[in-house]
Amino acid sequence: MNMIDQLASIPLFQSLPVEHIKDLATIVVRRTFRKGQTIFSEGDEGNGFYVVVSGRVKIFKCSSEGKEQILHIFSPWEPFGEVPVFSGENFPAHAEALEESGVFFFPREAFIGLIRRNPSLALNMLAVLSRRLRKFTVLIEDLSLKEVPGRLAAHLLYLSERKEGTGHLVLDISKGQLASLLGTIPETLSRILSRMSREELIRSDGPRCIRILDREGLEGMASGERRLS
């Protein structure tokens, strides 16, 4: 696809008229990052936002002891780092390429200039930010109120929904990264997966393949109505 077609494929911009897409094409910068390369660090100047074009990017925080908490993992056509575009503040977390990744970078000042001329751009971004806020609310609730089995059950159901309800899941991140995303450690995650298998909630079909056997059971765990024995 050419640049115009690629920009039009981004959900953030899909409802925009062609002339606005062409304006975006005049300011976008294509960048490539190696696996493990830092895209930005917490506290860096929020000088623009990004959209994943290929690969995957993780957003995470680090505690003073060096413990990593993954907040999001973004796939192609998803934006990240967009909050500072509106707030004018520094990046609130770290961003790192999980694999070799291509991104579009939209410089803040140039993008703000487009928004002044085309306010519909801001409306699209506000919709994305609202959805992101809802996800953060769920994340905070899960980390503070749910036990780890409930968090894992909710995540497996979320992955299933992304696959249009299929019960066959392929984890696209390592178990260590999944543990960080769920606010636990790999050893605990492995024990819970084994217990879920014993209770026939799920079945492991390989190192990263999981089949959901009892969706209602997982839903009960995610809601807190059921616990592992």
Protein backbone atom coordinates (compact mmCIF):
# COMPACT_ATOMS: atom_id res chain seq x y z
CA MET A 1 0.00 0.00 0.00
CA ASN A 2 1.12 3.57 -0.60
CA MET A 3 1.29 6.08 2.25
CA ILE A 4 -2.23 7.44 1.66
CA ASP A 5 -3.74 3.94 1.73
CA GLN A 6 -1.79 2.99 4.85
CA LEU A 7 -2.93 6.10 6.72
CA ALA A 8 -6.53 5.51 5.65
CA SER A 9 -6.29 1.97 7.11
CA ILE A 10 -5.55 3.29 10.60
CA PRO A 11 -8.78 3.19 12.68
CA LEU A 12 -7.87 6.56 14.16
CA PHE A 13 -8.20 8.15 10.71
CA GLN A 14 -10.70 5.92 8.89
CA SER A 15 -13.60 8.38 8.97
CA LEU A 16 -11.53 11.30 7.66
CA PRO A 17 -11.95 12.65 4.12
CA VAL A 18 -9.15 12.04 1.64
CA GLU A 19 -7.90 15.64 1.80
CA HIS A 20 -7.27 15.28 5.55
CA ILE A 21 -5.43 12.00 4.98
CA LYS A 22 -3.24 13.78 2.45
CA ASP A 23 -2.48 16.46 5.04
CA LEU A 24 -1.39 13.76 7.49
CA ALA A 25 0.88 12.28 4.83
CA THR A 26 2.81 15.56 4.75
CA ILE A 27 3.84 15.33 8.42
CA VAL A 28 4.20 11.60 9.14
CA VAL A 29 7.66 10.08 9.63
CA ARG A 30 8.32 6.34 9.15
CA ARG A 31 10.66 4.78 11.74
CA THR A 32 11.94 1.26 12.35
CA PHE A 33 13.03 -0.21 15.69
CA ARG A 34 14.95 -3.39 16.43
CA LYS A 35 13.65 -6.02 18.84
CA GLY A 36 14.23 -4.73 22.37
CA GLN A 37 14.98 -1.18 21.22
CA THR A 38 13.56 1.67 23.30
CA ILE A 39 11.13 3.92 21.44
CA PHE A 40 10.77 6.36 24.31
CA SER A 41 11.36 6.33 28.06
CA GLU A 42 9.20 7.52 30.92
CA GLY A 43 9.84 11.23 31.42
CA ASP A 44 10.95 11.89 27.83
CA GLU A 45 9.40 14.92 26.16
CA GLY A 46 6.04 14.04 24.60
CA ASN A 47 7.01 15.41 21.22
CA GLY A 48 4.55 13.34 19.20
CA PHE A 49 2.63 10.09 19.02
CA TYR A 50 3.05 6.82 17.17
CA VAL A 51 1.05 4.22 15.27
CA VAL A 52 2.31 0.65 14.91
CA VAL A 53 2.63 -0.36 11.26
CA SER A 54 4.32 -3.75 11.71
CA GLY A 55 5.52 -5.77 14.68
CA ARG A 56 4.43 -5.13 18.27
CA VAL A 57 5.23 -2.55 20.95
CA LYS A 58 4.91 -2.88 24.71
CA ILE A 59 4.16 -0.01 27.06
CA PHE A 60 5.38 -0.57 30.60
CA LYS A 61 6.34 0.98 33.93
CA CYS A 62 9.26 0.03 36.18
CA SER A 63 9.29 0.12 39.96
CA SER A 64 12.23 1.45 41.96
CA GLU A 65 13.26 -2.20 42.47
CA GLY A 66 13.29 -2.78 38.71
CA LYS A 67 10.06 -4.80 38.55
CA GLU A 68 8.33 -4.37 35.21
CA GLN A 69 4.57 -3.95 34.86
CA ILE A 70 3.32 -4.17 31.29
CA LEU A 71 0.39 -1.83 30.69
CA HIS A 72 -0.36 -2.50 27.02
CA ILE A 73 0.89 -4.44 24.04
CA PHE A 74 0.06 -2.77 20.75
CA SER A 75 -0.26 -4.44 17.35
CA PRO A 76 -0.42 -2.99 13.80
CA TRP A 77 -2.62 0.08 13.25
CA GLU A 78 -2.92 0.85 16.97
CA PRO A 79 -1.76 4.28 18.24
CA PHE A 80 0.36 4.83 21.35
CA GLY A 81 1.93 7.76 23.14
CA GLU A 82 -0.94 10.03 22.10
CA VAL A 83 -1.83 11.50 25.51
CA PRO A 84 1.05 14.04 25.53
CA VAL A 85 -0.23 15.40 22.21
CA PHE A 86 -3.11 16.96 24.13
CA SER A 87 -1.56 17.43 27.57
CA GLY A 88 1.80 18.80 26.44
CA GLU A 89 3.44 16.69 29.16
CA ASN A 90 6.18 14.06 29.15
CA PHE A 91 5.62 10.40 28.30
CA PRO A 92 4.19 8.67 31.42
CA ALA A 93 5.67 5.21 30.67
CA HIS A 94 8.29 3.37 28.61
CA ALA A 95 7.78 2.01 25.08
CA GLU A 96 9.87 -0.81 23.64
CA ALA A 97 9.70 -2.88 20.45
CA LEU A 98 8.86 -6.51 21.25
CA GLU A 99 10.12 -7.49 17.81
CA GLU A 100 11.42 -5.62 14.81
CA SER A 101 8.71 -3.01 14.35
CA GLY A 102 7.81 -0.26 11.95
CA VAL A 103 5.92 2.77 13.23
CA PHE A 104 4.51 6.03 11.97
CA PHE A 105 5.55 9.05 14.04
CA PHE A 106 3.38 12.18 14.06
CA PRO A 107 5.25 15.22 15.47
CA ARG A 108 3.19 17.06 18.07
CA GLU A 109 3.50 20.61 16.77
CA ALA A 110 2.71 19.65 13.18
CA PHE A 111 -0.25 17.51 14.28
CA ILE A 112 -1.65 20.27 16.50
CA GLY A 113 -1.46 22.55 13.48
CA LEU A 114 -3.59 20.09 11.50
CA ILE A 115 -6.11 19.85 14.35
CA ARG A 116 -6.53 23.63 14.37
CA ARG A 117 -7.46 23.45 10.69
CA ASN A 118 -9.38 20.14 10.90
CA PRO A 119 -11.11 19.73 14.30
CA SER A 120 -12.52 16.34 13.25
CA LEU A 121 -9.05 14.92 13.87
CA ALA A 122 -9.39 15.81 17.55
CA LEU A 123 -12.81 14.15 17.77
CA ASN A 124 -11.37 10.88 16.43
CA MET A 125 -8.52 10.99 18.92
CA LEU A 126 -10.85 11.72 21.82
CA ALA A 127 -12.86 8.61 20.93
CA VAL A 128 -9.67 6.52 20.98
CA LEU A 129 -8.59 8.05 24.30
CA SER A 130 -12.00 7.30 25.81
CA ARG A 131 -11.68 3.62 24.85
CA ARG A 132 -8.13 3.58 26.25
CA LEU A 133 -9.35 5.07 29.53
CA ARG A 134 -11.95 2.32 29.84
CA LYS A 135 -9.21 -0.29 29.33
CA PHE A 136 -7.09 1.33 32.04
CA THR A 137 -10.07 1.29 34.40
CA VAL A 138 -10.48 -2.44 33.83
CA LEU A 139 -6.72 -2.98 34.29
CA ILE A 140 -6.70 -1.10 37.60
CA GLU A 141 -9.76 -3.03 38.79
CA ASP A 142 -8.20 -6.35 37.81
CA LEU A 143 -4.84 -5.61 39.47
CA SER A 144 -6.36 -4.25 42.67
CA LEU A 145 -9.48 -6.37 43.18
CA LYS A 146 -9.08 -9.69 41.35
CA GLU A 147 -6.80 -12.54 42.27
CA VAL A 148 -4.37 -13.76 39.61
CA PRO A 149 -6.60 -16.67 38.40
CA GLY A 150 -9.43 -14.20 37.78
CA ARG A 151 -7.11 -11.87 35.87
CA LEU A 152 -5.87 -14.75 33.72
CA ALA A 153 -9.41 -15.99 33.05
CA ALA A 154 -10.47 -12.48 31.99
CA HIS A 155 -7.46 -12.18 29.70
CA LEU A 156 -8.10 -15.52 28.02
CA LEU A 157 -11.71 -14.52 27.41
CA TYR A 158 -10.52 -11.18 25.99
CA LEU A 159 -8.18 -13.00 23.58
CA SER A 160 -11.06 -15.27 22.56
CA GLU A 161 -13.28 -12.26 21.81
CA ARG A 162 -10.54 -10.81 19.61
CA LYS A 163 -10.60 -14.11 17.69
CA GLU A 164 -14.39 -13.79 17.23
CA GLY A 165 -15.21 -16.22 20.02
CA THR A 166 -12.95 -19.09 18.98
CA GLY A 167 -11.77 -21.32 21.79
CA HIS A 168 -8.35 -21.96 20.24
CA LEU A 169 -5.86 -19.31 21.32
CA VAL A 170 -2.24 -18.68 20.37
CA LEU A 171 -0.36 -16.48 22.83
CA ASP A 172 1.63 -13.90 20.86
CA ILE A 173 3.77 -12.98 23.87
CA SER A 174 5.97 -15.08 26.16
CA LYS A 175 4.64 -16.40 29.45
CA GLY A 176 7.03 -14.04 31.22
CA GLN A 177 5.51 -11.07 29.41
CA LEU A 178 2.00 -12.38 30.07
CA ALA A 179 2.85 -12.68 33.76
CA SER A 180 4.03 -9.06 33.78
CA LEU A 181 0.85 -7.96 32.01
CA LEU A 182 -1.21 -9.71 34.71
CA GLY A 183 0.88 -8.35 37.59
CA THR A 184 2.39 -11.66 38.71
CA ILE A 185 5.50 -13.80 38.17
CA PRO A 186 6.05 -16.61 35.60
CA GLU A 187 6.15 -19.36 38.24
CA THR A 188 2.75 -18.36 39.63
CA LEU A 189 1.30 -18.11 36.12
CA SER A 190 2.54 -21.62 35.24
CA ARG A 191 0.98 -23.07 38.40
CA ILE A 192 -2.37 -21.43 37.66
CA LEU A 193 -2.35 -22.66 34.05
CA SER A 194 -1.67 -26.19 35.34
CA ARG A 195 -4.54 -25.94 37.84
CA MET A 196 -6.88 -24.66 35.13
CA SER A 197 -5.89 -27.64 32.99
CA ARG A 198 -6.52 -30.11 35.83
CA GLU A 199 -9.99 -28.64 36.34
CA GLU A 200 -10.59 -28.92 32.56
CA LEU A 201 -11.16 -25.21 32.08
CA ILE A 202 -8.46 -25.10 29.42
CA ARG A 203 -6.08 -27.45 27.63
CA SER A 204 -2.54 -26.71 26.56
CA ASP A 205 -1.93 -27.65 22.92
CA GLY A 206 1.69 -26.52 22.89
CA PRO A 207 4.06 -23.97 24.46
CA ARG A 208 1.85 -21.01 23.46
CA CYS A 209 -1.38 -22.70 22.35
CA ILE A 210 -4.38 -22.84 24.68
CA ARG A 211 -7.82 -24.28 24.00
CA ILE A 212 -10.77 -23.07 26.09
CA LEU A 213 -12.80 -26.08 27.24
CA ASP A 214 -15.17 -24.47 29.74
CA ARG A 215 -16.05 -20.89 28.81
CA GLU A 216 -18.69 -20.57 31.53
CA GLY A 217 -16.16 -21.71 34.12
CA LEU A 218 -13.69 -19.04 32.98
CA GLU A 219 -16.44 -16.42 33.03
CA GLY A 220 -17.21 -17.40 36.61
CA MET A 221 -13.56 -17.02 37.57
CA ALA A 222 -13.28 -13.67 35.79
CA SER A 223 -16.32 -12.36 37.70
CA GLY A 224 -15.13 -13.75 41.02
CA GLU A 225 -18.03 -16.20 41.34
CA ARG A 226 -15.75 -19.22 41.02
CA ARG A 227 -12.33 -20.09 42.41
CA LEU A 228 -9.78 -22.75 41.57
CA SER A 229 -9.86 -25.67 43.97
